[in-house]
Protein backbone atom coordinates (compact mmCIF):
# COMPACT_ATOMS: atom_id res chain seq x y z
CA MET A 1 -9.90 2.38 8.39
CA ASN A 2 -9.07 4.12 11.62
CA SER A 3 -5.46 5.01 11.97
CA THR A 4 -3.79 4.51 15.25
CA PRO A 5 -3.12 7.78 17.02
CA GLN A 6 0.52 8.69 17.30
CA PRO A 7 1.96 9.48 20.67
CA ALA A 8 2.00 13.18 21.50
CA GLY A 9 5.75 13.50 21.00
CA GLN A 10 5.78 12.10 17.42
CA GLN A 11 3.65 14.60 15.49
CA ARG A 12 4.74 15.58 12.02
CA THR A 13 6.55 18.87 11.97
CA LYS A 14 8.61 20.54 9.31
CA PRO A 15 12.32 20.50 9.89
CA PRO A 16 13.65 23.89 10.94
CA LEU A 17 14.94 26.06 8.10
CA SER A 18 18.58 26.96 7.83
CA GLU A 19 19.66 30.59 7.91
CA ALA A 20 20.25 30.57 4.14
CA ALA A 21 16.76 29.17 3.51
CA LYS A 22 15.22 31.79 5.81
CA ALA A 23 17.12 34.55 4.00
CA SER A 24 16.02 33.19 0.62
CA LEU A 25 12.40 33.00 1.75
CA ALA A 26 12.54 36.55 3.12
CA LYS A 27 14.01 37.81 -0.17
CA THR A 28 11.29 36.05 -2.16
CA HIS A 29 8.56 37.56 0.02
CA THR A 30 10.09 41.03 -0.31
CA LEU A 31 10.26 40.66 -4.10
CA PHE A 32 6.66 39.44 -4.11
CA ARG A 33 5.49 42.48 -2.13
CA ILE A 34 7.31 44.82 -4.52
CA PHE A 35 5.77 42.95 -7.45
CA VAL A 36 2.24 43.32 -6.06
CA VAL A 37 2.79 47.04 -5.43
CA SER A 38 4.08 47.58 -8.97
CA VAL A 39 1.14 45.69 -10.54
CA LEU A 40 -1.44 47.58 -8.48
CA GLY A 41 0.43 50.84 -9.00
CA ALA A 42 0.37 50.41 -12.77
CA PHE A 43 -3.35 49.66 -12.69
CA PHE A 44 -4.26 52.62 -10.49
CA VAL A 45 -2.00 55.09 -12.31
CA TYR A 46 -3.65 54.03 -15.57
CA GLN A 47 -7.03 54.86 -14.04
CA LEU A 48 -5.77 58.22 -12.81
CA ASP A 49 -5.11 60.16 -16.00
CA ILE A 50 -4.05 59.52 -19.57
CA ASN A 51 -1.17 61.98 -19.21
CA TYR A 52 0.55 59.51 -16.86
CA LEU A 53 0.69 56.78 -19.49
CA TRP A 54 4.49 56.88 -19.35
CA LEU A 55 4.45 56.08 -15.62
CA THR A 56 1.99 53.25 -16.23
CA ALA A 57 4.34 51.82 -18.86
CA ILE A 58 7.34 52.01 -16.51
CA LEU A 59 5.44 50.30 -13.69
CA THR A 60 4.15 47.63 -16.07
CA VAL A 61 7.64 46.85 -17.37
CA ALA A 62 8.89 46.68 -13.77
CA SER A 63 6.06 44.34 -12.81
CA LEU A 64 6.70 42.07 -15.81
CA THR A 65 10.41 41.91 -14.97
CA LEU A 66 9.76 41.18 -11.29
CA GLY A 67 7.07 38.66 -12.20
CA VAL A 68 9.37 36.64 -14.44
CA LEU A 69 12.11 36.81 -11.81
CA LEU A 70 9.69 35.60 -9.13
CA LEU A 71 8.31 32.87 -11.36
CA VAL A 72 11.79 31.48 -12.00
CA ARG A 73 12.70 31.83 -8.32
CA ALA A 74 9.51 30.14 -7.12
CA ALA A 75 9.93 27.24 -9.54
CA ARG A 76 13.64 26.77 -8.86
CA LEU A 77 13.52 27.08 -5.06
CA LYS A 78 10.13 25.39 -4.57
CA GLU A 79 8.65 28.41 -2.80
CA SER A 80 5.09 28.50 -1.49
CA ARG A 81 2.14 27.92 -3.81
CA LEU A 82 0.65 31.25 -2.78
CA VAL A 83 3.65 33.11 -4.20
CA LEU A 84 3.49 31.04 -7.39
CA ILE A 85 -0.25 31.57 -7.91
CA GLY A 86 0.01 35.25 -7.01
CA THR A 87 2.87 35.74 -9.44
CA ILE A 88 1.02 34.05 -12.29
CA SER A 89 -2.09 36.14 -11.58
CA GLY A 90 -0.02 39.33 -11.47
CA LEU A 91 1.65 38.45 -14.76
CA VAL A 92 -1.76 37.99 -16.38
CA VAL A 93 -2.83 41.43 -15.13
CA SER A 94 0.46 42.89 -16.40
CA ALA A 95 -0.08 41.33 -19.83
CA ILE A 96 -3.54 42.90 -19.98
CA MET A 97 -2.00 46.21 -18.94
CA VAL A 98 0.47 45.95 -21.85
CA LEU A 99 -2.46 45.61 -24.25
CA LEU A 100 -4.25 48.56 -22.64
CA ILE A 101 -1.14 50.71 -22.84
CA LEU A 102 -0.61 49.88 -26.51
CA VAL A 103 -4.23 50.65 -27.44
CA THR A 104 -4.22 53.84 -25.37
CA ALA A 105 -0.95 54.98 -26.95
CA LEU A 106 -2.40 54.29 -30.40
CA PHE A 107 -5.49 56.42 -29.69
CA PHE A 108 -3.83 58.82 -27.23
CA GLU A 109 -5.42 62.05 -28.50
CA ASP A 110 -8.93 60.57 -28.67
CA VAL A 111 -8.72 59.14 -25.16
CA ARG A 112 -7.30 62.41 -23.78
CA GLU A 113 -10.19 64.35 -25.33
CA TYR A 114 -12.65 61.86 -23.84
CA GLN A 115 -11.11 62.19 -20.36
CA ALA A 116 -11.25 65.97 -20.57
CA CYS A 117 -14.87 65.87 -21.74
CA ALA A 118 -15.87 63.37 -19.04
CA GLY A 119 -14.14 65.50 -16.41
CA ARG A 120 -16.29 68.50 -17.39
CA ALA A 121 -19.51 66.47 -17.70
CA LEU A 122 -21.83 67.08 -14.76
CA THR A 123 -24.88 65.18 -15.97
CA GLN A 124 -25.56 61.73 -17.35
CA GLN A 125 -26.54 63.28 -20.66
CA ALA A 126 -23.18 65.09 -20.90
CA GLN A 127 -21.31 61.88 -20.05
CA SER A 128 -23.29 60.04 -22.70
CA ALA A 129 -22.40 62.74 -25.22
CA CYS A 130 -18.72 62.26 -24.36
CA ARG A 131 -18.99 58.52 -24.96
CA VAL A 132 -20.71 59.09 -28.30
CA GLN A 133 -17.98 61.56 -29.27
CA LEU A 134 -15.31 58.98 -28.40
CA GLN A 135 -17.06 56.24 -30.36
CA GLU A 136 -17.32 58.49 -33.41
CA SER A 137 -13.65 59.42 -33.26
CA LEU A 138 -12.45 55.80 -33.10
CA PRO A 139 -12.27 53.72 -36.28
CA SER A 140 -15.41 51.72 -36.95
CA GLN A 141 -15.43 47.94 -37.32
CA LEU A 142 -14.66 46.48 -40.69
CA PRO A 143 -17.65 44.92 -42.52
């Protein structure tokens, strides 16, 4: 049950990385940072204003491209699990952003009118009226 303690000089340590491995790891981490910034940037620009939908689309395409590149790189080079899990999570967020962009582009005028109305609304009643106006302008559910 009890394992015998190893002498102090024989602890398990990882072998030192070569210069090429260090460079590859640094490149992967840099790509991962850029990926995270592009995913968060797309999300926050989408929240900013409907008129920046084009910028949201560009950032989302960039994040999808970087995400696939990182996913392939992480699987091929056996990079850290944190990079792999972070990349998969970011790709899921990017896929949701694609759906949001498509729906927003489909109902662009209605959403722009809602944002303008909500920007002018100073009371809860005015904000509620804006939501009702948006719901009435969108197609209703099929029976």
